[in-house]
């Protein structure tokens, strides 16, 4: 009986506690509302990696090592080179020398938007990074249709291209419509069915997605009728676009190189006194290029396009002049006859 007394006392205590429990609907919610708040504060952030910390230090002093960057970055992995290029772009230090020094053949994306990279730098990078599938050249004032032509000729896997964003870049995009159209190397065939891919060249055969925020109506109609394979400004959707899965690279809210520097401290590219801000397409300047600037750009592109033809004509004129000199000069005739005679004697022996 004495052993049952503690058990009876504990049972009586539990009964009294249950009686004192307030089960009425008029309870005070102050005490229950604090539970999820405390749970939210327990979330932990992932610490930055050692490579991200090193990139932050290098990025803050990037302008000091740019003169020696070509020799320093040779042994760096491809992802580190891309992260350095992303930091240089955000610090407004990306130009031809920097991007050429960092270019790596393993790159799959290239973001040079808003930089000082020119046609020569883009052509050099396209010759090295031949496996690029997505490129952003928006707001690049120094890139013309010549650089875009080199890009599409060297990068046969290019699927996504971002352009526009400023008046000069919009003008370049309009000049590139002829590059995007398929061209025939042999037009003697009777029908399209007889052509193979080798006869359709010097165009962006693999280009599938074009991101051009402020495309004009005429350019959009031209692409729709003459380049139906290219989708302009597609929107990401779980159901795809026209039966095809839309890649993440077409999203205008995400920079192509964001993933490379997601663990790097943003203060790294705020050293120069500014922080990079992604401008909305609707906020770009509505002003167009002046007529003189349009004529200048058109002349430069035409001069570059006709340079190989002028060189070929110069070689033909030189050969024709040499041939006429051999026909009219007695000494030249004697040298030519002697050379033929020596060849015939050597063939007989």
C-alpha atoms as a PDB file:
ATOM      1  CA  UNK A   1       0.000   0.000   0.000  1.00  0.00           C
ATOM      2  CA  UNK A   2       2.870   2.323   0.765  1.00  0.00           C
ATOM      3  CA  UNK A   3       4.316   1.697  -2.690  1.00  0.00           C
ATOM      4  CA  UNK A   4       1.064   2.832  -4.357  1.00  0.00           C
ATOM      5  CA  UNK A   5       1.035   6.223  -2.596  1.00  0.00           C
ATOM      6  CA  UNK A   6       3.647   7.954  -4.867  1.00  0.00           C
ATOM      7  CA  UNK A   7       1.843   6.705  -7.957  1.00  0.00           C
ATOM      8  CA  UNK A   8      -1.475   8.008  -6.688  1.00  0.00           C
ATOM      9  CA  UNK A   9       0.088  11.376  -5.842  1.00  0.00           C
ATOM     10  CA  UNK A  10       1.552  11.772  -9.340  1.00  0.00           C
ATOM     11  CA  UNK A  11      -1.759  10.822 -10.952  1.00  0.00           C
ATOM     12  CA  UNK A  12      -3.541  13.398  -8.811  1.00  0.00           C
ATOM     13  CA  UNK A  13      -1.015  16.064  -9.870  1.00  0.00           C
ATOM     14  CA  UNK A  14      -1.564  15.306 -13.574  1.00  0.00           C
ATOM     15  CA  UNK A  15      -5.341  15.508 -13.073  1.00  0.00           C
ATOM     16  CA  UNK A  16      -5.067  18.936 -11.420  1.00  0.00           C
ATOM     17  CA  UNK A  17      -2.843  20.181 -14.268  1.00  0.00           C
ATOM     18  CA  UNK A  18      -5.379  19.099 -16.859  1.00  0.00           C
ATOM     19  CA  UNK A  19      -8.133  20.868 -14.947  1.00  0.00           C
ATOM     20  CA  UNK A  20      -6.131  24.115 -14.917  1.00  0.00           C
ATOM     21  CA  UNK A  21      -5.495  23.904 -18.712  1.00  0.00           C
ATOM     22  CA  UNK A  22      -7.453  26.634 -20.515  1.00  0.00           C
ATOM     23  CA  UNK A  23      -9.168  25.094 -23.545  1.00  0.00           C
ATOM     24  CA  UNK A  24     -11.536  28.014 -24.174  1.00  0.00           C
ATOM     25  CA  UNK A  25     -11.482  29.718 -27.637  1.00  0.00           C
ATOM     26  CA  UNK A  26     -10.659  33.074 -25.987  1.00  0.00           C
ATOM     27  CA  UNK A  27      -6.938  32.343 -25.627  1.00  0.00           C
ATOM     28  CA  UNK A  28      -4.181  34.890 -25.968  1.00  0.00           C
ATOM     29  CA  UNK A  29      -2.267  34.294 -29.260  1.00  0.00           C
ATOM     30  CA  UNK A  30       0.825  36.270 -28.186  1.00  0.00           C
ATOM     31  CA  UNK A  31       2.665  33.243 -26.927  1.00  0.00           C
ATOM     32  CA  UNK A  32       2.004  30.970 -29.883  1.00  0.00           C
ATOM     33  CA  UNK A  33       2.931  33.565 -32.498  1.00  0.00           C
ATOM     34  CA  UNK A  34       6.542  33.691 -31.358  1.00  0.00           C
ATOM     35  CA  UNK A  35       7.298  30.072 -32.261  1.00  0.00           C
ATOM     36  CA  UNK A  36       7.624  30.437 -36.070  1.00  0.00           C
ATOM     37  CA  UNK A  37       9.578  33.670 -35.633  1.00  0.00           C
ATOM     38  CA  UNK A  38      12.201  31.914 -33.577  1.00  0.00           C
ATOM     39  CA  UNK A  39      12.328  29.110 -36.093  1.00  0.00           C
ATOM     40  CA  UNK A  40      13.007  31.574 -38.900  1.00  0.00           C
ATOM     41  CA  UNK A  41      15.959  33.068 -37.066  1.00  0.00           C
ATOM     42  CA  UNK A  42      17.689  29.711 -36.873  1.00  0.00           C
ATOM     43  CA  UNK A  43      18.485  29.653 -40.611  1.00  0.00           C
ATOM     44  CA  UNK A  44      22.223  29.554 -41.280  1.00  0.00           C
ATOM     45  CA  UNK A  45      24.038  31.142 -44.188  1.00  0.00           C
ATOM     46  CA  UNK A  46      26.713  29.251 -46.092  1.00  0.00           C
ATOM     47  CA  UNK A  47      30.211  30.646 -45.440  1.00  0.00           C
ATOM     48  CA  UNK A  48      32.167  31.796 -48.519  1.00  0.00           C
ATOM     49  CA  UNK A  49      34.760  29.446 -49.923  1.00  0.00           C
ATOM     50  CA  UNK A  50      38.483  30.139 -49.854  1.00  0.00           C
ATOM     51  CA  UNK A  51      38.552  30.723 -53.615  1.00  0.00           C
ATOM     52  CA  UNK A  52      35.747  33.304 -53.296  1.00  0.00           C
ATOM     53  CA  UNK A  53      37.688  35.166 -50.618  1.00  0.00           C
ATOM     54  CA  UNK A  54      40.798  35.137 -52.804  1.00  0.00           C
ATOM     55  CA  UNK A  55      38.809  36.408 -55.771  1.00  0.00           C
ATOM     56  CA  UNK A  56      37.498  39.232 -53.612  1.00  0.00           C
ATOM     57  CA  UNK A  57      41.031  40.299 -52.708  1.00  0.00           C
ATOM     58  CA  UNK A  58      42.226  40.057 -56.324  1.00  0.00           C
ATOM     59  CA  UNK A  59      39.162  41.920 -57.570  1.00  0.00           C
ATOM     60  CA  UNK A  60      39.793  44.878 -55.292  1.00  0.00           C
ATOM     61  CA  UNK A  61      43.302  45.293 -56.749  1.00  0.00           C
ATOM     62  CA  UNK A  62      42.534  44.141 -60.295  1.00  0.00           C
ATOM     63  CA  UNK A  63      43.715  47.353 -61.951  1.00  0.00           C
ATOM     64  CA  UNK A  64      47.190  46.797 -60.469  1.00  0.00           C
ATOM     65  CA  UNK A  65      47.685  43.369 -62.072  1.00  0.00           C
ATOM     66  CA  UNK A  66      46.081  44.039 -65.471  1.00  0.00           C
ATOM     67  CA  UNK A  67      49.451  44.817 -67.166  1.00  0.00           C
ATOM     68  CA  UNK A  68      50.738  41.359 -66.120  1.00  0.00           C
ATOM     69  CA  UNK A  69      47.417  39.537 -66.359  1.00  0.00           C
ATOM     70  CA  UNK A  70      48.393  37.593 -69.472  1.00  0.00           C
ATOM     71  CA  UNK A  71      51.241  35.834 -67.692  1.00  0.00           C
ATOM     72  CA  UNK A  72      49.443  35.470 -64.365  1.00  0.00           C
ATOM     73  CA  UNK A  73      46.184  33.919 -65.602  1.00  0.00           C
ATOM     74  CA  UNK A  74      47.732  31.228 -67.804  1.00  0.00           C
ATOM     75  CA  UNK A  75      47.624  28.566 -65.092  1.00  0.00           C
ATOM     76  CA  UNK A  76      44.226  29.573 -63.673  1.00  0.00           C
ATOM     77  CA  UNK A  77      41.205  27.235 -64.105  1.00  0.00           C
ATOM     78  CA  UNK A  78      38.477  28.249 -66.528  1.00  0.00           C
ATOM     79  CA  UNK A  79      35.942  29.110 -63.796  1.00  0.00           C
ATOM     80  CA  UNK A  80      38.423  31.387 -62.007  1.00  0.00           C
ATOM     81  CA  UNK A  81      39.172  33.195 -65.275  1.00  0.00           C
ATOM     82  CA  UNK A  82      35.460  33.684 -65.903  1.00  0.00           C
ATOM     83  CA  UNK A  83      34.962  35.030 -62.376  1.00  0.00           C
ATOM     84  CA  UNK A  84      37.825  37.508 -62.894  1.00  0.00           C
ATOM     85  CA  UNK A  85      36.266  38.623 -66.171  1.00  0.00           C
ATOM     86  CA  UNK A  86      32.924  39.087 -64.403  1.00  0.00           C
ATOM     87  CA  UNK A  87      34.563  41.218 -61.707  1.00  0.00           C
ATOM     88  CA  UNK A  88      36.417  43.259 -64.340  1.00  0.00           C
ATOM     89  CA  UNK A  89      33.133  43.887 -66.168  1.00  0.00           C
ATOM     90  CA  UNK A  90      31.439  45.047 -62.982  1.00  0.00           C
ATOM     91  CA  UNK A  91      34.357  47.352 -62.199  1.00  0.00           C
ATOM     92  CA  UNK A  92      34.279  48.817 -65.732  1.00  0.00           C
ATOM     93  CA  UNK A  93      37.779  47.457 -66.412  1.00  0.00           C
ATOM     94  CA  UNK A  94      36.893  44.932 -69.113  1.00  0.00           C
ATOM     95  CA  UNK A  95      38.530  45.733 -72.454  1.00  0.00           C
ATOM     96  CA  UNK A  96      40.239  43.851 -75.285  1.00  0.00           C
ATOM     97  CA  UNK A  97      43.473  43.183 -73.373  1.00  0.00           C
ATOM     98  CA  UNK A  98      41.706  41.850 -70.283  1.00  0.00           C
ATOM     99  CA  UNK A  99      39.230  39.565 -72.054  1.00  0.00           C
ATOM    100  CA  UNK A 100      41.916  38.184 -74.399  1.00  0.00           C
ATOM    101  CA  UNK A 101      44.194  37.434 -71.434  1.00  0.00           C
ATOM    102  CA  UNK A 102      41.392  35.574 -69.603  1.00  0.00           C
ATOM    103  CA  UNK A 103      39.736  33.770 -72.530  1.00  0.00           C
ATOM    104  CA  UNK A 104      39.581  30.001 -72.089  1.00  0.00           C
ATOM    105  CA  UNK A 105      38.499  27.327 -74.534  1.00  0.00           C
ATOM    106  CA  UNK A 106      36.332  25.674 -71.863  1.00  0.00           C
ATOM    107  CA  UNK A 107      33.975  28.654 -71.566  1.00  0.00           C
ATOM    108  CA  UNK A 108      30.356  28.031 -72.498  1.00  0.00           C
ATOM    109  CA  UNK A 109      29.014  31.552 -71.880  1.00  0.00           C
ATOM    110  CA  UNK A 110      30.482  35.014 -72.445  1.00  0.00           C
ATOM    111  CA  UNK A 111      29.172  38.215 -70.876  1.00  0.00           C
ATOM    112  CA  UNK A 112      30.852  41.419 -72.068  1.00  0.00           C
ATOM    113  CA  UNK A 113      27.784  43.640 -71.794  1.00  0.00           C
ATOM    114  CA  UNK A 114      28.481  47.314 -71.129  1.00  0.00           C
ATOM    115  CA  UNK A 115      32.239  46.846 -71.572  1.00  0.00           C
ATOM    116  CA  UNK A 116      34.881  48.458 -73.805  1.00  0.00           C
ATOM    117  CA  UNK A 117      35.507  45.284 -75.814  1.00  0.00           C
ATOM    118  CA  UNK A 118      35.759  45.973 -79.554  1.00  0.00           C
ATOM    119  CA  UNK A 119      35.462  43.901 -82.725  1.00  0.00           C
ATOM    120  CA  UNK A 120      39.092  42.777 -82.587  1.00  0.00           C
ATOM    121  CA  UNK A 121      38.776  41.583 -78.992  1.00  0.00           C
ATOM    122  CA  UNK A 122      35.520  39.751 -79.695  1.00  0.00           C
ATOM    123  CA  UNK A 123      37.014  38.074 -82.778  1.00  0.00           C
ATOM    124  CA  UNK A 124      40.080  36.972 -80.790  1.00  0.00           C
ATOM    125  CA  UNK A 125      37.937  35.526 -77.994  1.00  0.00           C
ATOM    126  CA  UNK A 126      35.626  33.797 -80.484  1.00  0.00           C
ATOM    127  CA  UNK A 127      38.663  32.116 -82.038  1.00  0.00           C
ATOM    128  CA  UNK A 128      39.651  30.711 -78.622  1.00  0.00           C
ATOM    129  CA  UNK A 129      36.221  29.991 -77.091  1.00  0.00           C
ATOM    130  CA  UNK A 130      34.718  28.061 -79.981  1.00  0.00           C
ATOM    131  CA  UNK A 131      32.194  26.216 -77.773  1.00  0.00           C
ATOM    132  CA  UNK A 132      30.221  29.262 -76.634  1.00  0.00           C
ATOM    133  CA  UNK A 133      26.474  28.671 -76.468  1.00  0.00           C
ATOM    134  CA  UNK A 134      25.369  32.048 -75.009  1.00  0.00           C
ATOM    135  CA  UNK A 135      26.896  35.527 -75.500  1.00  0.00           C
ATOM    136  CA  UNK A 136      25.814  38.931 -74.188  1.00  0.00           C
ATOM    137  CA  UNK A 137      27.049  41.935 -76.211  1.00  0.00           C
ATOM    138  CA  UNK A 138      24.340  44.362 -75.109  1.00  0.00           C
ATOM    139  CA  UNK A 139      25.351  47.986 -74.485  1.00  0.00           C
ATOM    140  CA  UNK A 140      28.735  47.416 -76.179  1.00  0.00           C
ATOM    141  CA  UNK A 141      29.391  50.627 -78.115  1.00  0.00           C
ATOM    142  CA  UNK A 142      32.602  49.369 -79.770  1.00  0.00           C
ATOM    143  CA  UNK A 143      31.156  46.221 -81.335  1.00  0.00           C
ATOM    144  CA  UNK A 144      29.809  46.334 -84.886  1.00  0.00           C
ATOM    145  CA  UNK A 145      28.452  43.795 -87.338  1.00  0.00           C
ATOM    146  CA  UNK A 146      32.037  42.819 -88.223  1.00  0.00           C
ATOM    147  CA  UNK A 147      32.630  41.446 -84.727  1.00  0.00           C
ATOM    148  CA  UNK A 148      29.277  39.655 -84.663  1.00  0.00           C
ATOM    149  CA  UNK A 149      30.110  38.039 -88.017  1.00  0.00           C
ATOM    150  CA  UNK A 150      33.381  36.696 -86.585  1.00  0.00           C
ATOM    151  CA  UNK A 151      31.484  35.424 -83.561  1.00  0.00           C
ATOM    152  CA  UNK A 152      28.903  33.393 -85.478  1.00  0.00           C
ATOM    153  CA  UNK A 153      31.516  32.014 -87.892  1.00  0.00           C
ATOM    154  CA  UNK A 154      33.804  30.714 -85.130  1.00  0.00           C
ATOM    155  CA  UNK A 155      31.197  29.600 -82.572  1.00  0.00           C
ATOM    156  CA  UNK A 156      29.142  26.933 -84.304  1.00  0.00           C
ATOM    157  CA  UNK A 157      27.278  26.062 -81.071  1.00  0.00           C
ATOM    158  CA  UNK A 158      25.990  29.577 -80.385  1.00  0.00           C
ATOM    159  CA  UNK A 159      22.302  29.359 -79.460  1.00  0.00           C
ATOM    160  CA  UNK A 160      21.583  32.521 -77.425  1.00  0.00           C
ATOM    161  CA  UNK A 161      22.642  36.072 -78.276  1.00  0.00           C
ATOM    162  CA  UNK A 162      21.817  39.175 -76.250  1.00  0.00           C
ATOM    163  CA  UNK A 163      22.122  42.542 -77.979  1.00  0.00           C
ATOM    164  CA  UNK A 164      20.692  46.060 -77.957  1.00  0.00           C
ATOM    165  CA  UNK A 165      20.295  48.129 -74.830  1.00  0.00           C
ATOM    166  CA  UNK A 166      21.644  51.424 -76.250  1.00  0.00           C
ATOM    167  CA  UNK A 167      21.212  53.294 -79.567  1.00  0.00           C
ATOM    168  CA  UNK A 168      24.536  52.178 -81.041  1.00  0.00           C
ATOM    169  CA  UNK A 169      24.020  48.567 -80.017  1.00  0.00           C
ATOM    170  CA  UNK A 170      20.512  48.655 -81.506  1.00  0.00           C
ATOM    171  CA  UNK A 171      22.001  49.974 -84.744  1.00  0.00           C
ATOM    172  CA  UNK A 172      24.545  47.124 -84.752  1.00  0.00           C
ATOM    173  CA  UNK A 173      21.766  44.592 -84.202  1.00  0.00           C
ATOM    174  CA  UNK A 174      19.868  45.947 -87.212  1.00  0.00           C
ATOM    175  CA  UNK A 175      23.023  45.670 -89.328  1.00  0.00           C
ATOM    176  CA  UNK A 176      23.384  42.035 -88.238  1.00  0.00           C
ATOM    177  CA  UNK A 177      20.070  40.888 -89.705  1.00  0.00           C
ATOM    178  CA  UNK A 178      21.873  39.876 -92.886  1.00  0.00           C
ATOM    179  CA  UNK A 179      24.262  37.734 -90.848  1.00  0.00           C
ATOM    180  CA  UNK A 180      21.430  35.816 -89.209  1.00  0.00           C
ATOM    181  CA  UNK A 181      19.804  34.956 -92.534  1.00  0.00           C
ATOM    182  CA  UNK A 182      20.875  31.691 -94.214  1.00  0.00           C
ATOM    183  CA  UNK A 183      23.090  32.172 -97.265  1.00  0.00           C
ATOM    184  CA  UNK A 184      23.647  29.792-100.163  1.00  0.00           C
ATOM    185  CA  UNK A 185      27.167  28.985-101.322  1.00  0.00           C
ATOM    186  CA  UNK A 186      25.769  27.250-104.393  1.00  0.00           C
ATOM    187  CA  UNK A 187      22.616  28.590-106.051  1.00  0.00           C
ATOM    188  CA  UNK A 188      22.724  26.333-109.114  1.00  0.00           C
ATOM    189  CA  UNK A 189      20.573  23.634-107.566  1.00  0.00           C
ATOM    190  CA  UNK A 190      17.080  23.019-108.870  1.00  0.00           C
ATOM    191  CA  UNK A 191      15.383  22.935-105.463  1.00  0.00           C
ATOM    192  CA  UNK A 192      15.993  23.451-101.743  1.00  0.00           C
ATOM    193  CA  UNK A 193      15.717  19.706-101.148  1.00  0.00           C
ATOM    194  CA  UNK A 194      18.956  19.132-103.071  1.00  0.00           C
ATOM    195  CA  UNK A 195      21.001  21.382-100.776  1.00  0.00           C
ATOM    196  CA  UNK A 196      22.990  20.108 -97.828  1.00  0.00           C
ATOM    197  CA  UNK A 197      24.307  21.977 -94.798  1.00  0.00           C
ATOM    198  CA  UNK A 198      27.722  22.476 -96.409  1.00  0.00           C
ATOM    199  CA  UNK A 199      26.104  24.656 -99.085  1.00  0.00           C
ATOM    200  CA  UNK A 200      24.420  26.914 -96.517  1.00  0.00           C
ATOM    201  CA  UNK A 201      27.257  28.788 -94.878  1.00  0.00           C
ATOM    202  CA  UNK A 202      28.526  32.003 -93.356  1.00  0.00           C
ATOM    203  CA  UNK A 203      25.388  32.466 -91.249  1.00  0.00           C
ATOM    204  CA  UNK A 204      24.277  31.751 -87.684  1.00  0.00           C
ATOM    205  CA  UNK A 205      22.928  28.256 -88.323  1.00  0.00           C
ATOM    206  CA  UNK A 206      22.795  27.306 -84.639  1.00  0.00           C
ATOM    207  CA  UNK A 207      21.317  30.591 -83.335  1.00  0.00           C
ATOM    208  CA  UNK A 208      17.970  29.821 -81.714  1.00  0.00           C
ATOM    209  CA  UNK A 209      17.255  32.604 -79.183  1.00  0.00           C
ATOM    210  CA  UNK A 210      17.728  36.349 -79.739  1.00  0.00           C
ATOM    211  CA  UNK A 211      17.284  38.727 -76.789  1.00  0.00           C
ATOM    212  CA  UNK A 212      16.783  42.240 -78.166  1.00  0.00           C
ATOM    213  CA  UNK A 213      14.607  44.234 -75.710  1.00  0.00           C
ATOM    214  CA  UNK A 214      13.775  47.260 -77.923  1.00  0.00           C
ATOM    215  CA  UNK A 215      13.615  45.593 -81.315  1.00  0.00           C
ATOM    216  CA  UNK A 216      11.868  47.667 -83.954  1.00  0.00           C
ATOM    217  CA  UNK A 217       8.834  46.415 -85.830  1.00  0.00           C
ATOM    218  CA  UNK A 218      10.570  46.081 -89.218  1.00  0.00           C
ATOM    219  CA  UNK A 219      13.418  43.998 -87.793  1.00  0.00           C
ATOM    220  CA  UNK A 220      10.958  41.770 -85.952  1.00  0.00           C
ATOM    221  CA  UNK A 221       8.982  41.149 -89.142  1.00  0.00           C
ATOM    222  CA  UNK A 222      12.177  40.432 -91.082  1.00  0.00           C
ATOM    223  CA  UNK A 223      13.296  37.830 -88.554  1.00  0.00           C
ATOM    224  CA  UNK A 224       9.833  36.268 -88.428  1.00  0.00           C
ATOM    225  CA  UNK A 225       9.613  35.845 -92.202  1.00  0.00           C
ATOM    226  CA  UNK A 226      13.243  35.113 -93.184  1.00  0.00           C
ATOM    227  CA  UNK A 227      14.598  33.513 -89.979  1.00  0.00           C
ATOM    228  CA  UNK A 228      11.684  31.600 -88.425  1.00  0.00           C
ATOM    229  CA  UNK A 229      14.065  29.369 -86.481  1.00  0.00           C
ATOM    230  CA  UNK A 230      15.141  32.347 -84.311  1.00  0.00           C
ATOM    231  CA  UNK A 231      12.816  33.205 -81.405  1.00  0.00           C
ATOM    232  CA  UNK A 232      12.989  36.863 -80.369  1.00  0.00           C
ATOM    233  CA  UNK A 233      12.625  37.809 -76.684  1.00  0.00           C
ATOM    234  CA  UNK A 234      11.127  34.491 -75.536  1.00  0.00           C
ATOM    235  CA  UNK A 235       9.765  34.259 -72.009  1.00  0.00           C
ATOM    236  CA  UNK A 236      10.630  31.419 -69.687  1.00  0.00           C
ATOM    237  CA  UNK A 237       7.756  29.007 -69.245  1.00  0.00           C
ATOM    238  CA  UNK A 238       7.399  25.517 -67.738  1.00  0.00           C
ATOM    239  CA  UNK A 239       5.736  24.483 -70.995  1.00  0.00           C
ATOM    240  CA  UNK A 240       8.554  25.808 -73.186  1.00  0.00           C
ATOM    241  CA  UNK A 241       8.330  28.095 -76.184  1.00  0.00           C
ATOM    242  CA  UNK A 242       7.021  26.726 -79.482  1.00  0.00           C
ATOM    243  CA  UNK A 243       7.646  23.215 -78.249  1.00  0.00           C
ATOM    244  CA  UNK A 244      11.259  23.875 -77.209  1.00  0.00           C
ATOM    245  CA  UNK A 245      12.673  24.293 -73.722  1.00  0.00           C
ATOM    246  CA  UNK A 246      13.743  27.894 -73.096  1.00  0.00           C
ATOM    247  CA  UNK A 247      17.258  28.099 -71.590  1.00  0.00           C
ATOM    248  CA  UNK A 248      17.948  30.202 -68.520  1.00  0.00           C
ATOM    249  CA  UNK A 249      20.336  32.387 -70.542  1.00  0.00           C
ATOM    250  CA  UNK A 250      17.427  34.201 -72.219  1.00  0.00           C
ATOM    251  CA  UNK A 251      16.217  35.710 -68.935  1.00  0.00           C
ATOM    252  CA  UNK A 252      16.915  39.456 -69.004  1.00  0.00           C
ATOM    253  CA  UNK A 253      16.887  39.686 -65.191  1.00  0.00           C
ATOM    254  CA  UNK A 254      19.908  37.403 -64.785  1.00  0.00           C
ATOM    255  CA  UNK A 255      23.407  38.233 -66.042  1.00  0.00           C
ATOM    256  CA  UNK A 256      25.225  35.406 -67.769  1.00  0.00           C
ATOM    257  CA  UNK A 257      28.149  35.639 -65.336  1.00  0.00           C
ATOM    258  CA  UNK A 258      26.098  35.919 -62.109  1.00  0.00           C
ATOM    259  CA  UNK A 259      26.726  32.309 -61.185  1.00  0.00           C
ATOM    260  CA  UNK A 260      30.508  32.826 -61.292  1.00  0.00           C
ATOM    261  CA  UNK A 261      30.496  35.531 -58.627  1.00  0.00           C
ATOM    262  CA  UNK A 262      27.505  34.565 -56.499  1.00  0.00           C
ATOM    263  CA  UNK A 263      29.796  33.784 -53.528  1.00  0.00           C
ATOM    264  CA  UNK A 264      32.039  36.834 -53.969  1.00  0.00           C
ATOM    265  CA  UNK A 265      31.491  39.858 -51.743  1.00  0.00           C
ATOM    266  CA  UNK A 266      29.654  42.587 -53.739  1.00  0.00           C
ATOM    267  CA  UNK A 267      31.947  45.165 -52.171  1.00  0.00           C
ATOM    268  CA  UNK A 268      34.636  43.803 -54.489  1.00  0.00           C
ATOM    269  CA  UNK A 269      33.252  45.690 -57.499  1.00  0.00           C
ATOM    270  CA  UNK A 270      32.192  48.693 -55.413  1.00  0.00           C
ATOM    271  CA  UNK A 271      35.831  49.730 -54.938  1.00  0.00           C
ATOM    272  CA  UNK A 272      35.669  52.262 -57.735  1.00  0.00           C
ATOM    273  CA  UNK A 273      32.856  54.107 -55.988  1.00  0.00           C
ATOM    274  CA  UNK A 274      29.897  52.585 -57.796  1.00  0.00           C
ATOM    275  CA  UNK A 275      27.790  49.470 -57.740  1.00  0.00           C
ATOM    276  CA  UNK A 276      26.724  47.799 -60.939  1.00  0.00           C
ATOM    277  CA  UNK A 277      22.989  48.071 -61.508  1.00  0.00           C
ATOM    278  CA  UNK A 278      21.082  46.165 -64.125  1.00  0.00           C
ATOM    279  CA  UNK A 279      19.150  48.677 -66.174  1.00  0.00           C
ATOM    280  CA  UNK A 280      15.672  47.843 -67.278  1.00  0.00           C
ATOM    281  CA  UNK A 281      15.160  47.741 -71.053  1.00  0.00           C
ATOM    282  CA  UNK A 282      12.436  50.384 -70.761  1.00  0.00           C
ATOM    283  CA  UNK A 283      14.889  52.840 -69.165  1.00  0.00           C
ATOM    284  CA  UNK A 284      17.416  52.854 -72.025  1.00  0.00           C
ATOM    285  CA  UNK A 285      17.968  56.112 -73.844  1.00  0.00           C
ATOM    286  CA  UNK A 286      15.431  56.707 -76.606  1.00  0.00           C
ATOM    287  CA  UNK A 287      17.828  58.942 -78.578  1.00  0.00           C
ATOM    288  CA  UNK A 288      18.991  57.595 -81.920  1.00  0.00           C
ATOM    289  CA  UNK A 289      22.410  57.874 -83.518  1.00  0.00           C
ATOM    290  CA  UNK A 290      23.132  60.965 -85.546  1.00  0.00           C
ATOM    291  CA  UNK A 291      23.066  60.699 -89.318  1.00  0.00           C
ATOM    292  CA  UNK A 292      26.813  61.354 -89.538  1.00  0.00           C
ATOM    293  CA  UNK A 293      27.553  58.548 -87.064  1.00  0.00           C
ATOM    294  CA  UNK A 294      25.362  56.139 -89.039  1.00  0.00           C
ATOM    295  CA  UNK A 295      27.216  57.006 -92.254  1.00  0.00           C
ATOM    296  CA  UNK A 296      30.562  56.567 -90.491  1.00  0.00           C
ATOM    297  CA  UNK A 297      29.652  53.140 -89.102  1.00  0.00           C
ATOM    298  CA  UNK A 298      28.249  52.049 -92.459  1.00  0.00           C
ATOM    299  CA  UNK A 299      31.444  53.164 -94.222  1.00  0.00           C
ATOM    300  CA  UNK A 300      33.662  51.311 -91.731  1.00  0.00           C
ATOM    301  CA  UNK A 301      31.647  48.097 -92.111  1.00  0.00           C
ATOM    302  CA  UNK A 302      31.646  48.378 -95.914  1.00  0.00           C
ATOM    303  CA  UNK A 303      35.372  49.082 -95.999  1.00  0.00           C
ATOM    304  CA  UNK A 304      36.077  46.063 -93.796  1.00  0.00           C
ATOM    305  CA  UNK A 305      33.805  43.846 -95.878  1.00  0.00           C
ATOM    306  CA  UNK A 306      35.447  44.866 -99.171  1.00  0.00           C
ATOM    307  CA  UNK A 307      39.035  44.657 -97.885  1.00  0.00           C
ATOM    308  CA  UNK A 308      39.524  40.981 -98.955  1.00  0.00           C
ATOM    309  CA  UNK A 309      38.175  41.755-102.432  1.00  0.00           C
ATOM    310  CA  UNK A 310      40.552  44.709-102.825  1.00  0.00           C
ATOM    311  CA  UNK A 311      43.477  42.532-101.769  1.00  0.00           C
ATOM    312  CA  UNK A 312      42.456  39.886-104.310  1.00  0.00           C
ATOM    313  CA  UNK A 313      42.218  42.470-107.087  1.00  0.00           C
ATOM    314  CA  UNK A 314      45.633  43.839-106.136  1.00  0.00           C
ATOM    315  CA  UNK A 315      47.172  40.373-106.430  1.00  0.00           C
ATOM    316  CA  UNK A 316      45.530  39.853-109.811  1.00  0.00           C
ATOM    317  CA  UNK A 317      46.866  43.188-111.081  1.00  0.00           C
ATOM    318  CA  UNK A 318      50.338  42.288-109.836  1.00  0.00           C
ATOM    319  CA  UNK A 319      50.295  38.910-111.582  1.00  0.00           C
ATOM    320  CA  UNK A 320      49.008  40.525-114.783  1.00  0.00           C
ATOM    321  CA  UNK A 321      51.773  43.131-114.678  1.00  0.00           C
ATOM    322  CA  UNK A 322      54.417  40.461-114.164  1.00  0.00           C
ATOM    323  CA  UNK A 323      53.012  38.461-117.071  1.00  0.00           C
ATOM    324  CA  UNK A 324      53.063  41.500-119.372  1.00  0.00           C
ATOM    325  CA  UNK A 325      56.619  42.304-118.299  1.00  0.00           C
ATOM    326  CA  UNK A 326      57.757  38.766-119.173  1.00  0.00           C
ATOM    327  CA  UNK A 327      56.099  39.025-122.595  1.00  0.00           C
ATOM    328  CA  UNK A 328      57.614  42.408-123.509  1.00  0.00           C
ATOM    329  CA  UNK A 329      61.085  42.234-121.926  1.00  0.00           C
ATOM    330  CA  UNK A 330      63.739  40.273-123.868  1.00  0.00           C
ATOM    331  CA  UNK A 331      65.715  39.348-120.758  1.00  0.00           C
ATOM    332  CA  UNK A 332      62.611  38.080-119.037  1.00  0.00           C
ATOM    333  CA  UNK A 333      61.739  35.943-122.092  1.00  0.00           C
ATOM    334  CA  UNK A 334      65.245  34.418-122.085  1.00  0.00           C
ATOM    335  CA  UNK A 335      64.973  33.578-118.358  1.00  0.00           C
ATOM    336  CA  UNK A 336      61.551  31.966-118.864  1.00  0.00           C
ATOM    337  CA  UNK A 337      62.767  29.880-121.845  1.00  0.00           C
ATOM    338  CA  UNK A 338      65.845  28.784-119.911  1.00  0.00           C
ATOM    339  CA  UNK A 339      63.686  27.686-116.974  1.00  0.00           C
ATOM    340  CA  UNK A 340      61.437  25.637-119.306  1.00  0.00           C
ATOM    341  CA  UNK A 341      64.448  24.036-120.956  1.00  0.00           C
ATOM    342  CA  UNK A 342      65.956  23.051-117.629  1.00  0.00           C
ATOM    343  CA  UNK A 343      62.664  21.507-116.492  1.00  0.00           C
ATOM    344  CA  UNK A 344      62.392  19.461-119.704  1.00  0.00           C
ATOM    345  CA  UNK A 345      65.962  18.217-119.340  1.00  0.00           C
ATOM    346  CA  UNK A 346      65.342  17.203-115.738  1.00  0.00           C
ATOM    347  CA  UNK A 347      62.161  15.323-116.712  1.00  0.00           C
ATOM    348  CA  UNK A 348      64.058  13.400-119.425  1.00  0.00           C
ATOM    349  CA  UNK A 349      66.814  12.395-117.002  1.00  0.00           C
END
